[in-house]
């Protein structure tokens, strides 16, 4: 920083005030190893003659070092030697680390609390969208400040207090810490500790349902802000605990916990479909209590929070139970008319196209126990008919459809329709006159996007746009799309619109849109606008088209 002329002197001053500490105070090997770069870890393993297995990536080197230390510590006759060995590794690692400073634990809590509030929305975004790991908030801030990450423009309106007091914030932090501990224990396969954290979360969850200090505040929040309450975080932990119980074959405990989660509507009501699905599976398949599973499936279908795909899964579970030979009495009591109604609700037969191709042979594994893993490589084309192409299965299918007269193809599942929806509703999506939907500078979507509040808060504007899309001719549609594309495609890099799906530019996108009738495009957008959370996925992996 230009304003700091003496970096070392400034750092020493911060050490004296006990805000930070330098690496001379680092006495924990795990901490130092996690701070080392991949190159430094490789050098350390080479100097210590440690054998590194696996893909020899950063984590593999850390694992190899820890395993050597662990083996030394197991030898009861040379405990002092093991301590010296560990100290030697620590000294070498510290030398490779170089000058390094770390916040002291107490000041660090303050900084983490500030970052947590600044990037509050990232917690759920990381977990529900499978991005993995905690949100890299500081990296996000750096990328935004350097212009490498650009979010849509909107005005922040914080009208509702999510945390009315410091106590509420600390309770939220406690729940988040508990979730981190639970996940870490699961990753370490320390299932006893994981269940212990889960039991603690269960007790706190019961408090969040019974104590008025929790319920009064949560019930007064908009639905899309309830997930930032301790009760919602605890509910998420319990949902993960159910999966752990199922993994360990503790299906009775999973059923008890699922019924407790389903029995309340205060927290994570949108998870009801997932919970009913797991409950019916555990009862039917694992506990062999088919009648109970049938009853629970019926309750799930009557629950307004169970939507679209989850309803289809419950219908299939009911049909599976009733059609089993051992359940003839159940089928008779349930009624043929009800089962026929379910059959008519969903299309059963879809056209199937089978493509055949040649796979490149794989090399034997290094251990000589089979073939190497990795993705299969297909050979497209014939030797006697021109060049051959080595490609993935996705590209093989795209090339096959090219020969059938579909020159364009995108393998992107639901990202295609979500990009179209975002472009067609850009101004409505980022309309900032609704309080609390934009609360931080780093939001790709409003907070209510995946809730019923999204449509309710913008009903008039959304209905008008849906109707406009239905009656627009292609010229009007093109003008609107081109205007949005030219305004944001080269500017905004963080939104549901994946501009890179159309590398040839807006004309390629318009070619795809030309294949839709107005009523088709309008109907797809209407489903997404009214219930994006439950309709955003389930689209075909591959979209191919011929605008001619």
Protein backbone atom coordinates (compact mmCIF):
# COMPACT_ATOMS: atom_id res chain seq x y z
CA UNK A 1 0.00 0.00 0.00
CA UNK A 2 1.36 3.42 -0.97
CA UNK A 3 0.28 4.99 2.31
CA UNK A 4 2.41 2.54 4.33
CA UNK A 5 6.10 3.30 3.83
CA UNK A 6 7.47 0.71 6.27
CA UNK A 7 5.53 -2.55 6.05
CA UNK A 8 7.67 -4.42 8.57
CA UNK A 9 7.53 -1.57 11.08
CA UNK A 10 3.76 -1.33 10.74
CA UNK A 11 3.44 -5.10 11.20
CA UNK A 12 5.62 -5.01 14.33
CA UNK A 13 3.40 -2.29 15.77
CA UNK A 14 0.34 -4.49 15.19
CA UNK A 15 2.15 -7.38 16.89
CA UNK A 16 2.85 -5.20 19.93
CA UNK A 17 -0.83 -4.24 20.16
CA UNK A 18 -1.70 -7.98 20.01
CA UNK A 19 -3.78 -7.61 16.87
CA UNK A 20 -1.63 -10.02 14.84
CA UNK A 21 1.19 -12.53 15.32
CA UNK A 22 4.04 -13.52 13.01
CA UNK A 23 5.10 -17.01 12.01
CA UNK A 24 7.65 -17.21 14.83
CA UNK A 25 4.65 -17.84 17.09
CA UNK A 26 3.18 -20.57 14.92
CA UNK A 27 3.48 -23.84 16.86
CA UNK A 28 0.73 -25.84 15.18
CA UNK A 29 1.88 -27.96 12.24
CA UNK A 30 -1.58 -28.19 10.67
CA UNK A 31 -1.87 -24.39 10.57
CA UNK A 32 1.50 -23.98 8.86
CA UNK A 33 0.84 -26.76 6.34
CA UNK A 34 -2.46 -25.18 5.35
CA UNK A 35 -0.68 -21.86 4.74
CA UNK A 36 2.02 -23.34 2.49
CA UNK A 37 1.71 -23.17 -1.27
CA UNK A 38 1.57 -26.33 -3.39
CA UNK A 39 5.16 -25.71 -4.55
CA UNK A 40 6.45 -25.34 -0.98
CA UNK A 41 4.66 -28.52 0.11
CA UNK A 42 6.26 -30.40 -2.76
CA UNK A 43 9.72 -29.14 -1.73
CA UNK A 44 9.06 -30.11 1.91
CA UNK A 45 8.05 -33.67 0.97
CA UNK A 46 11.10 -34.00 -1.26
CA UNK A 47 13.49 -32.81 1.46
CA UNK A 48 11.94 -35.19 3.99
CA UNK A 49 11.83 -38.09 1.50
CA UNK A 50 8.07 -38.54 1.97
CA UNK A 51 6.28 -40.72 -0.57
CA UNK A 52 3.18 -38.92 -1.91
CA UNK A 53 0.37 -41.03 -3.32
CA UNK A 54 -2.65 -40.07 -5.39
CA UNK A 55 -2.66 -37.25 -7.93
CA UNK A 56 0.14 -35.47 -6.03
CA UNK A 57 -1.97 -32.37 -5.54
CA UNK A 58 -1.75 -29.99 -2.59
CA UNK A 59 -4.00 -32.04 -0.29
CA UNK A 60 -2.13 -35.23 -1.17
CA UNK A 61 1.16 -33.69 0.04
CA UNK A 62 -0.45 -32.50 3.30
CA UNK A 63 -1.95 -35.95 3.85
CA UNK A 64 1.45 -37.63 3.29
CA UNK A 65 3.15 -35.37 5.85
CA UNK A 66 0.44 -35.96 8.45
CA UNK A 67 0.58 -39.72 7.92
CA UNK A 68 4.35 -39.80 8.54
CA UNK A 69 3.92 -37.78 11.74
CA UNK A 70 1.09 -40.06 12.83
CA UNK A 71 3.16 -43.20 12.29
CA UNK A 72 6.00 -41.76 14.39
CA UNK A 73 3.60 -40.90 17.23
CA UNK A 74 2.22 -44.45 17.33
CA UNK A 75 5.61 -45.78 18.37
CA UNK A 76 5.45 -45.73 22.20
CA UNK A 77 9.16 -46.42 22.59
CA UNK A 78 10.29 -43.25 20.84
CA UNK A 79 7.84 -40.54 21.89
CA UNK A 80 10.62 -37.96 22.32
CA UNK A 81 11.92 -38.87 18.88
CA UNK A 82 8.44 -38.35 17.44
CA UNK A 83 8.25 -34.89 19.02
CA UNK A 84 11.64 -33.99 17.58
CA UNK A 85 10.57 -35.30 14.18
CA UNK A 86 7.41 -33.17 14.25
CA UNK A 87 9.39 -30.11 15.38
CA UNK A 88 11.85 -30.62 12.53
CA UNK A 89 9.03 -30.66 9.99
CA UNK A 90 7.49 -27.57 11.60
CA UNK A 91 10.78 -25.67 11.41
CA UNK A 92 11.33 -26.57 7.76
CA UNK A 93 7.72 -25.67 6.93
CA UNK A 94 8.01 -22.33 8.74
CA UNK A 95 11.18 -21.52 6.80
CA UNK A 96 9.48 -22.29 3.51
CA UNK A 97 6.52 -20.17 4.56
CA UNK A 98 8.65 -17.06 4.95
CA UNK A 99 7.31 -13.87 6.49
CA UNK A 100 3.67 -14.41 7.43
CA UNK A 101 1.24 -12.71 9.79
CA UNK A 102 -1.98 -14.02 11.28
CA UNK A 103 -4.76 -12.31 13.18
CA UNK A 104 -5.01 -13.14 16.86
CA UNK A 105 -8.09 -15.27 17.71
CA UNK A 106 -10.18 -12.58 19.43
CA UNK A 107 -9.66 -9.77 16.86
CA UNK A 108 -10.20 -12.37 14.13
CA UNK A 109 -13.71 -13.02 15.49
CA UNK A 110 -14.57 -9.34 14.99
CA UNK A 111 -13.32 -9.34 11.41
CA UNK A 112 -15.19 -12.59 10.65
CA UNK A 113 -18.36 -11.08 12.09
CA UNK A 114 -18.01 -8.03 9.83
CA UNK A 115 -17.37 -10.22 6.78
CA UNK A 116 -20.30 -12.46 7.74
CA UNK A 117 -22.67 -9.48 7.80
CA UNK A 118 -21.18 -8.05 4.60
CA UNK A 119 -21.66 -11.29 2.68
CA UNK A 120 -24.63 -12.73 4.53
CA UNK A 121 -26.31 -14.08 1.40
CA UNK A 122 -23.30 -16.20 0.40
CA UNK A 123 -23.86 -18.79 3.14
CA UNK A 124 -26.96 -20.26 1.54
CA UNK A 125 -25.76 -19.64 -2.02
CA UNK A 126 -22.69 -21.81 -1.44
CA UNK A 127 -24.64 -24.68 0.08
CA UNK A 128 -27.81 -24.78 -2.01
CA UNK A 129 -26.02 -24.33 -5.34
CA UNK A 130 -23.32 -26.93 -4.62
CA UNK A 131 -20.43 -24.53 -4.99
CA UNK A 132 -18.59 -26.23 -2.15
CA UNK A 133 -16.84 -24.76 0.84
CA UNK A 134 -17.27 -21.43 2.57
CA UNK A 135 -17.80 -18.30 0.56
CA UNK A 136 -14.44 -16.72 -0.46
CA UNK A 137 -15.63 -13.27 0.58
CA UNK A 138 -12.26 -11.51 0.55
CA UNK A 139 -11.49 -12.97 -2.88
CA UNK A 140 -14.89 -11.77 -4.13
CA UNK A 141 -14.21 -8.25 -2.82
CA UNK A 142 -10.77 -8.23 -4.46
CA UNK A 143 -12.15 -9.44 -7.81
CA UNK A 144 -14.90 -6.82 -7.68
CA UNK A 145 -12.49 -4.01 -6.81
CA UNK A 146 -10.20 -4.99 -9.70
CA UNK A 147 -13.12 -5.15 -12.15
CA UNK A 148 -12.79 -8.88 -12.81
CA UNK A 149 -16.13 -9.64 -11.20
CA UNK A 150 -19.02 -7.33 -12.02
CA UNK A 151 -22.47 -7.62 -10.46
CA UNK A 152 -25.67 -6.04 -11.80
CA UNK A 153 -26.39 -2.49 -10.68
CA UNK A 154 -29.04 -2.00 -8.00
CA UNK A 155 -29.77 0.11 -4.96
CA UNK A 156 -29.43 -1.55 -1.54
CA UNK A 157 -32.51 -1.17 0.67
CA UNK A 158 -32.24 -2.62 4.16
CA UNK A 159 -35.59 -2.00 5.79
CA UNK A 160 -35.97 -5.07 8.02
CA UNK A 161 -33.58 -5.86 10.86
CA UNK A 162 -32.59 -9.49 10.41
CA UNK A 163 -30.71 -9.37 13.72
CA UNK A 164 -32.59 -7.07 16.09
CA UNK A 165 -29.86 -7.41 18.73
CA UNK A 166 -26.28 -8.55 19.20
CA UNK A 167 -27.62 -11.68 20.92
CA UNK A 168 -29.52 -12.71 17.78
CA UNK A 169 -26.37 -12.29 15.68
CA UNK A 170 -24.32 -14.37 18.11
CA UNK A 171 -26.97 -17.10 18.05
CA UNK A 172 -26.81 -17.11 14.25
CA UNK A 173 -23.01 -17.34 14.38
CA UNK A 174 -23.23 -20.19 16.88
CA UNK A 175 -25.51 -22.11 14.51
CA UNK A 176 -23.16 -21.48 11.56
CA UNK A 177 -20.17 -22.66 13.62
CA UNK A 178 -22.08 -25.79 14.58
CA UNK A 179 -22.77 -26.51 10.90
CA UNK A 180 -19.09 -26.06 10.06
CA UNK A 181 -18.10 -28.47 12.84
CA UNK A 182 -20.68 -31.01 11.68
CA UNK A 183 -19.49 -30.88 8.06
CA UNK A 184 -15.84 -31.14 9.09
CA UNK A 185 -16.56 -34.17 11.28
CA UNK A 186 -18.38 -35.85 8.38
CA UNK A 187 -15.49 -35.12 6.01
CA UNK A 188 -13.07 -36.62 8.56
CA UNK A 189 -15.42 -39.64 8.87
CA UNK A 190 -15.65 -38.92 12.58
CA UNK A 191 -19.30 -39.89 12.69
CA UNK A 192 -19.55 -40.07 16.48
CA UNK A 193 -18.65 -36.38 16.79
CA UNK A 194 -20.85 -35.53 13.79
CA UNK A 195 -23.88 -37.13 15.44
CA UNK A 196 -22.99 -35.29 18.64
CA UNK A 197 -23.04 -31.96 16.80
CA UNK A 198 -26.31 -33.03 15.18
CA UNK A 199 -27.87 -33.82 18.56
CA UNK A 200 -26.79 -30.41 19.84
CA UNK A 201 -28.38 -28.79 16.78
CA UNK A 202 -31.57 -30.79 17.40
CA UNK A 203 -31.87 -29.45 20.94
CA UNK A 204 -31.25 -25.87 19.78
CA UNK A 205 -33.79 -26.38 16.98
CA UNK A 206 -36.43 -27.40 19.52
CA UNK A 207 -35.64 -24.22 21.46
CA UNK A 208 -36.04 -22.20 18.26
CA UNK A 209 -39.53 -23.66 17.86
CA UNK A 210 -40.64 -23.27 21.47
CA UNK A 211 -39.08 -20.07 22.80
CA UNK A 212 -40.94 -16.88 21.93
CA UNK A 213 -37.69 -14.90 21.59
CA UNK A 214 -37.02 -17.01 18.47
CA UNK A 215 -40.53 -17.54 17.09
CA UNK A 216 -41.79 -13.97 17.47
CA UNK A 217 -38.85 -12.59 15.53
CA UNK A 218 -38.86 -15.30 12.82
CA UNK A 219 -42.61 -15.08 12.21
CA UNK A 220 -42.30 -11.32 11.67
CA UNK A 221 -39.73 -11.69 8.87
CA UNK A 222 -40.55 -12.02 5.17
CA UNK A 223 -40.27 -15.65 4.03
CA UNK A 224 -37.08 -14.97 2.08
CA UNK A 225 -35.33 -13.54 5.16
CA UNK A 226 -36.28 -16.38 7.52
CA UNK A 227 -33.37 -18.45 6.27
CA UNK A 228 -31.02 -16.01 8.04
CA UNK A 229 -32.37 -17.02 11.44
CA UNK A 230 -30.63 -19.55 13.72
CA UNK A 231 -33.63 -21.90 13.36
CA UNK A 232 -33.14 -22.20 9.60
CA UNK A 233 -29.42 -22.95 9.92
CA UNK A 234 -30.18 -25.56 12.57
CA UNK A 235 -32.88 -27.05 10.34
CA UNK A 236 -30.32 -27.35 7.55
CA UNK A 237 -27.94 -29.19 9.91
CA UNK A 238 -30.72 -31.62 10.83
CA UNK A 239 -31.45 -32.20 7.14
CA UNK A 240 -27.79 -33.16 6.73
CA UNK A 241 -28.01 -35.31 9.87
CA UNK A 242 -30.82 -37.27 8.22
CA UNK A 243 -28.47 -38.07 5.34
CA UNK A 244 -25.81 -39.20 7.80
CA UNK A 245 -28.30 -41.44 9.60
CA UNK A 246 -29.29 -42.98 6.27
CA UNK A 247 -25.65 -43.50 5.32
CA UNK A 248 -25.05 -45.32 8.62
CA UNK A 249 -28.32 -47.27 8.12
CA UNK A 250 -29.93 -45.68 11.19
CA UNK A 251 -33.22 -45.43 9.32
CA UNK A 252 -35.46 -45.38 12.39
CA UNK A 253 -33.64 -42.31 13.72
CA UNK A 254 -33.86 -40.72 10.27
CA UNK A 255 -37.65 -41.22 10.23
CA UNK A 256 -38.09 -39.69 13.69
CA UNK A 257 -36.04 -36.66 12.72
CA UNK A 258 -37.79 -36.23 9.36
CA UNK A 259 -41.20 -36.22 11.05
CA UNK A 260 -39.96 -33.57 13.46
CA UNK A 261 -38.77 -31.40 10.55
CA UNK A 262 -41.96 -31.86 8.55
CA UNK A 263 -44.11 -31.19 11.60
CA UNK A 264 -43.09 -27.52 11.67
CA UNK A 265 -43.54 -24.80 9.04
CA UNK A 266 -41.55 -22.01 10.61
CA UNK A 267 -38.16 -22.89 9.12
CA UNK A 268 -37.18 -24.16 5.65
CA UNK A 269 -40.73 -24.83 4.45
CA UNK A 270 -39.39 -25.25 0.89
CA UNK A 271 -37.53 -28.38 2.07
CA UNK A 272 -40.77 -30.24 2.82
CA UNK A 273 -40.77 -31.98 -0.57
CA UNK A 274 -37.25 -33.29 -0.04
CA UNK A 275 -38.06 -34.44 3.49
CA UNK A 276 -41.25 -36.24 2.44
CA UNK A 277 -39.33 -37.97 -0.34
CA UNK A 278 -36.69 -39.26 2.11
CA UNK A 279 -39.32 -40.21 4.69
CA UNK A 280 -41.30 -42.35 2.23
CA UNK A 281 -38.13 -43.99 0.92
CA UNK A 282 -36.92 -44.91 4.42
CA UNK A 283 -40.31 -46.26 5.48
CA UNK A 284 -40.96 -48.26 2.31
CA UNK A 285 -37.56 -49.55 1.22
CA UNK A 286 -35.58 -49.80 4.45
CA UNK A 287 -38.09 -50.30 7.26
CA UNK A 288 -40.61 -52.25 5.14
CA UNK A 289 -43.56 -50.23 6.48
CA UNK A 290 -45.34 -49.67 3.19
CA UNK A 291 -48.67 -48.55 4.62
CA UNK A 292 -47.00 -45.81 6.65
CA UNK A 293 -45.06 -44.73 3.57
CA UNK A 294 -48.29 -44.54 1.60
CA UNK A 295 -49.91 -42.41 4.31
CA UNK A 296 -46.95 -40.04 4.44
CA UNK A 297 -46.91 -39.75 0.64
CA UNK A 298 -50.57 -38.74 0.74
CA UNK A 299 -49.79 -36.07 3.34
CA UNK A 300 -46.95 -34.85 1.17
CA UNK A 301 -49.25 -34.44 -1.84
CA UNK A 302 -51.60 -32.38 0.34
CA UNK A 303 -48.77 -30.14 1.58
CA UNK A 304 -48.70 -26.85 -0.41
CA UNK A 305 -44.93 -26.65 0.11
CA UNK A 306 -44.37 -29.85 -1.90
CA UNK A 307 -44.04 -28.79 -5.53
CA UNK A 308 -43.58 -30.08 -9.10
CA UNK A 309 -40.73 -32.63 -9.17
CA UNK A 310 -41.20 -33.70 -5.55
CA UNK A 311 -44.88 -34.36 -6.21
CA UNK A 312 -43.95 -36.52 -9.18
CA UNK A 313 -41.54 -38.52 -6.99
CA UNK A 314 -44.26 -39.08 -4.36
CA UNK A 315 -46.72 -40.19 -7.06
CA UNK A 316 -44.19 -42.70 -8.33
CA UNK A 317 -43.61 -43.95 -4.78
CA UNK A 318 -47.37 -44.49 -4.32
CA UNK A 319 -47.61 -46.40 -7.62
CA UNK A 320 -44.56 -48.48 -6.74
CA UNK A 321 -46.04 -49.44 -3.37
CA UNK A 322 -49.46 -50.26 -4.79
CA UNK A 323 -48.13 -52.23 -7.75
CA UNK A 324 -45.93 -54.49 -5.62
CA UNK A 325 -47.30 -58.06 -5.51
CA UNK A 326 -47.04 -58.21 -1.72
CA UNK A 327 -49.26 -55.10 -1.44
CA UNK A 328 -52.38 -56.36 -3.24
CA UNK A 329 -54.59 -55.38 -0.29
CA UNK A 330 -53.07 -51.92 -0.17
CA UNK A 331 -53.67 -51.45 -3.89
CA UNK A 332 -57.30 -52.46 -3.53
CA UNK A 333 -57.91 -50.10 -0.59
CA UNK A 334 -56.16 -47.22 -2.34
CA UNK A 335 -58.41 -47.52 -5.38
CA UNK A 336 -57.84 -47.99 -9.09
CA UNK A 337 -59.33 -44.60 -9.92
CA UNK A 338 -56.74 -42.75 -7.83
CA UNK A 339 -53.87 -44.65 -9.46
CA UNK A 340 -55.29 -44.02 -12.94
CA UNK A 341 -55.48 -40.31 -12.13
CA UNK A 342 -51.77 -40.32 -11.28
CA UNK A 343 -50.99 -42.09 -14.54
CA UNK A 344 -52.75 -39.36 -16.49
CA UNK A 345 -50.96 -36.54 -14.62
CA UNK A 346 -47.56 -37.18 -16.16
CA UNK A 347 -46.48 -38.31 -19.59
CA UNK A 348 -45.08 -41.82 -19.37
CA UNK A 349 -43.59 -42.47 -22.78
CA UNK A 350 -40.93 -40.30 -24.38
CA UNK A 351 -39.25 -40.79 -27.68
CA UNK A 352 -35.88 -42.46 -27.27
CA UNK A 353 -32.95 -42.03 -29.63
CA UNK A 354 -30.05 -44.46 -29.26
CA UNK A 355 -26.66 -43.39 -30.60
CA UNK A 356 -23.79 -45.84 -30.96
CA UNK A 357 -20.13 -44.88 -30.97
CA UNK A 358 -16.64 -46.20 -30.49
CA UNK A 359 -14.74 -45.56 -27.24
CA UNK A 360 -11.01 -45.06 -27.14
CA UNK A 361 -9.41 -47.91 -25.15
CA UNK A 362 -8.04 -46.94 -21.75
CA UNK A 363 -4.55 -47.66 -20.55
CA UNK A 364 -3.97 -50.14 -17.70
CA UNK A 365 -3.79 -48.62 -14.23
CA UNK A 366 -0.40 -48.13 -12.59
CA UNK A 367 -1.26 -50.80 -10.00
CA UNK A 368 -2.07 -53.34 -12.71
CA UNK A 369 -5.51 -54.02 -11.23
CA UNK A 370 -7.61 -52.80 -14.13
CA UNK A 371 -7.99 -49.79 -16.38
CA UNK A 372 -7.31 -46.17 -15.56
CA UNK A 373 -10.26 -44.06 -14.51
CA UNK A 374 -11.30 -40.76 -16.03
CA UNK A 375 -13.83 -39.69 -18.60
CA UNK A 376 -14.41 -41.86 -21.66
CA UNK A 377 -13.18 -40.53 -24.99
CA UNK A 378 -15.28 -41.27 -28.06
CA UNK A 379 -14.16 -41.48 -31.69
CA UNK A 380 -16.46 -39.60 -34.06
CA UNK A 381 -16.30 -40.25 -37.79
CA UNK A 382 -15.06 -43.06 -40.01
CA UNK A 383 -11.53 -43.57 -41.28
CA UNK A 384 -12.60 -43.79 -44.89
CA UNK A 385 -14.88 -40.72 -44.72
CA UNK A 386 -12.55 -37.93 -43.69
CA UNK A 387 -11.03 -36.80 -40.41
CA UNK A 388 -11.87 -38.42 -37.12
CA UNK A 389 -12.62 -36.47 -33.96
CA UNK A 390 -11.73 -37.52 -30.42
CA UNK A 391 -14.33 -36.04 -28.11
CA UNK A 392 -16.43 -36.42 -24.95
CA UNK A 393 -19.79 -38.15 -25.01
CA UNK A 394 -21.49 -34.73 -24.99
CA UNK A 395 -19.60 -33.56 -28.07
CA UNK A 396 -20.21 -36.93 -29.72
CA UNK A 397 -23.97 -36.40 -29.41
CA UNK A 398 -23.72 -32.81 -30.65
CA UNK A 399 -21.71 -33.90 -33.70
CA UNK A 400 -24.22 -36.67 -34.38
CA UNK A 401 -27.10 -34.18 -34.38
CA UNK A 402 -25.14 -31.89 -36.68
CA UNK A 403 -25.30 -34.63 -39.28
CA UNK A 404 -29.04 -34.81 -38.70
CA UNK A 405 -29.44 -31.14 -39.61
CA UNK A 406 -29.03 -29.37 -36.26
CA UNK A 407 -25.94 -27.16 -36.67
CA UNK A 408 -26.09 -25.60 -33.20
CA UNK A 409 -25.98 -27.32 -29.83
CA UNK A 410 -25.38 -26.40 -26.20
CA UNK A 411 -24.74 -28.92 -23.44
CA UNK A 412 -25.84 -26.86 -20.47
CA UNK A 413 -28.99 -28.40 -18.97
CA UNK A 414 -31.21 -25.71 -17.38
CA UNK A 415 -28.68 -22.92 -17.90
CA UNK A 416 -30.09 -22.29 -21.39
CA UNK A 417 -33.65 -21.46 -20.31
CA UNK A 418 -32.44 -19.63 -17.21
CA UNK A 419 -30.26 -17.43 -19.42
CA UNK A 420 -33.22 -16.71 -21.71
CA UNK A 421 -35.45 -15.91 -18.72
CA UNK A 422 -32.85 -13.59 -17.16
CA UNK A 423 -32.40 -11.64 -20.39
CA UNK A 424 -36.14 -11.29 -21.03
CA UNK A 425 -36.85 -10.17 -17.44
CA UNK A 426 -33.61 -8.30 -16.66
CA UNK A 427 -35.20 -4.98 -15.70
CA UNK A 428 -37.78 -6.68 -13.47
CA UNK A 429 -35.25 -9.03 -11.88
CA UNK A 430 -33.02 -6.13 -10.85
CA UNK A 431 -35.78 -3.68 -10.02
CA UNK A 432 -34.67 -2.25 -6.68
CA UNK A 433 -37.85 -0.64 -5.37
CA UNK A 434 -38.67 -3.71 -3.25
CA UNK A 435 -37.21 -3.49 0.29
CA UNK A 436 -34.70 -6.05 1.58
CA UNK A 437 -34.27 -8.10 -1.62
CA UNK A 438 -30.90 -6.44 -2.25
CA UNK A 439 -28.95 -6.17 0.98
CA UNK A 440 -25.30 -6.65 -0.06
CA UNK A 441 -23.20 -5.39 -3.00
CA UNK A 442 -22.42 -8.94 -4.19
CA UNK A 443 -25.77 -10.40 -5.24
CA UNK A 444 -26.39 -12.08 -8.57
CA UNK A 445 -30.13 -12.24 -7.88
CA UNK A 446 -32.58 -10.72 -5.39
CA UNK A 447 -32.95 -12.62 -2.13
CA UNK A 448 -36.55 -13.57 -2.87
CA UNK A 449 -35.74 -15.08 -6.29
CA UNK A 450 -36.28 -18.70 -5.23
CA UNK A 451 -39.33 -18.04 -3.06
CA UNK A 452 -43.01 -17.38 -3.69
CA UNK A 453 -42.35 -13.76 -2.70
CA UNK A 454 -40.56 -13.15 -6.01
CA UNK A 455 -43.76 -13.42 -8.03
CA UNK A 456 -45.97 -11.89 -5.34
CA UNK A 457 -43.74 -8.80 -5.03
CA UNK A 458 -43.69 -8.19 -8.81
CA UNK A 459 -46.96 -9.72 -9.97
CA UNK A 460 -48.13 -6.86 -12.17
CA UNK A 461 -44.79 -6.33 -13.92
CA UNK A 462 -44.21 -10.07 -14.42
CA UNK A 463 -47.70 -10.73 -15.78
CA UNK A 464 -47.38 -7.85 -18.22
CA UNK A 465 -44.01 -9.11 -19.50
CA UNK A 466 -45.28 -12.70 -19.80
CA UNK A 467 -48.22 -11.48 -21.89
CA UNK A 468 -45.95 -9.25 -23.98
CA UNK A 469 -43.67 -12.19 -24.82
CA UNK A 470 -46.74 -14.18 -25.88
CA UNK A 471 -47.91 -11.56 -28.40
CA UNK A 472 -44.56 -10.14 -29.57
CA UNK A 473 -43.55 -10.87 -33.12
CA UNK A 474 -39.96 -11.99 -33.71
CA UNK A 475 -38.84 -8.47 -34.62
CA UNK A 476 -40.04 -7.06 -31.28
CA UNK A 477 -38.49 -9.96 -29.38
CA UNK A 478 -35.18 -9.49 -31.20
CA UNK A 479 -35.02 -5.77 -30.47
CA UNK A 480 -35.56 -6.37 -26.76
CA UNK A 481 -33.00 -9.18 -26.53
CA UNK A 482 -30.38 -7.24 -28.54
CA UNK A 483 -30.82 -4.21 -26.28
CA UNK A 484 -30.24 -6.25 -23.08
CA UNK A 485 -27.36 -8.19 -24.64
CA UNK A 486 -25.55 -5.05 -25.83
CA UNK A 487 -26.05 -3.37 -22.46
CA UNK A 488 -24.85 -6.15 -20.16
CA UNK A 489 -23.24 -9.13 -21.95
CA UNK A 490 -19.75 -7.61 -21.95
CA UNK A 491 -20.18 -5.83 -18.62
CA UNK A 492 -21.96 -8.02 -16.02
CA UNK A 493 -20.09 -11.22 -15.23
CA UNK A 494 -22.16 -12.49 -12.29
CA UNK A 495 -25.82 -13.18 -13.03
CA UNK A 496 -27.99 -16.19 -13.97
CA UNK A 497 -27.37 -15.27 -17.62
CA UNK A 498 -24.52 -17.40 -18.95
CA UNK A 499 -23.43 -15.30 -21.92
CA UNK A 500 -20.70 -17.80 -22.83
CA UNK A 501 -23.32 -20.35 -23.92
CA UNK A 502 -23.56 -18.38 -27.16
CA UNK A 503 -19.97 -17.76 -28.29
CA UNK A 504 -21.13 -16.47 -31.69
CA UNK A 505 -22.98 -13.62 -29.98
CA UNK A 506 -26.56 -12.47 -29.79
CA UNK A 507 -27.34 -13.73 -33.29
CA UNK A 508 -26.79 -17.30 -32.10
CA UNK A 509 -29.21 -16.73 -29.22
CA UNK A 510 -31.78 -15.20 -31.55
CA UNK A 511 -31.46 -18.28 -33.76
CA UNK A 512 -32.54 -20.41 -30.81
CA UNK A 513 -35.39 -18.06 -29.87
CA UNK A 514 -36.63 -18.19 -33.45
CA UNK A 515 -37.45 -21.87 -32.91
CA UNK A 516 -40.06 -20.99 -30.24
CA UNK A 517 -43.61 -19.83 -30.74
CA UNK A 518 -44.56 -16.88 -28.58
CA UNK A 519 -46.94 -18.92 -26.42
CA UNK A 520 -44.24 -21.57 -25.80
CA UNK A 521 -41.63 -19.06 -24.66
CA UNK A 522 -44.21 -17.24 -22.57
CA UNK A 523 -45.36 -20.45 -20.84
CA UNK A 524 -41.78 -21.49 -19.97
CA UNK A 525 -41.05 -18.04 -18.54
CA UNK A 526 -44.30 -18.05 -16.57
CA UNK A 527 -43.35 -21.29 -14.81
CA UNK A 528 -39.93 -19.90 -13.93
CA UNK A 529 -41.35 -16.58 -12.74
CA UNK A 530 -43.96 -18.16 -10.47
CA UNK A 531 -41.83 -20.91 -8.93
CA UNK A 532 -38.20 -20.64 -9.99
CA UNK A 533 -36.84 -22.81 -7.19
CA UNK A 534 -38.80 -25.88 -8.27
CA UNK A 535 -38.78 -25.37 -12.06
CA UNK A 536 -35.22 -24.19 -12.72
CA UNK A 537 -33.87 -27.72 -13.23
CA UNK A 538 -34.92 -30.92 -14.95
CA UNK A 539 -34.31 -29.68 -18.49
CA UNK A 540 -32.55 -31.89 -21.06
CA UNK A 541 -28.76 -31.96 -20.86
CA UNK A 542 -28.44 -31.06 -24.54
CA UNK A 543 -30.26 -28.37 -26.52
CA UNK A 544 -29.87 -28.53 -30.32
CA UNK A 545 -31.55 -26.34 -32.91
CA UNK A 546 -31.80 -25.32 -36.52
CA UNK A 547 -33.26 -21.86 -36.95
CA UNK A 548 -34.09 -22.54 -40.59
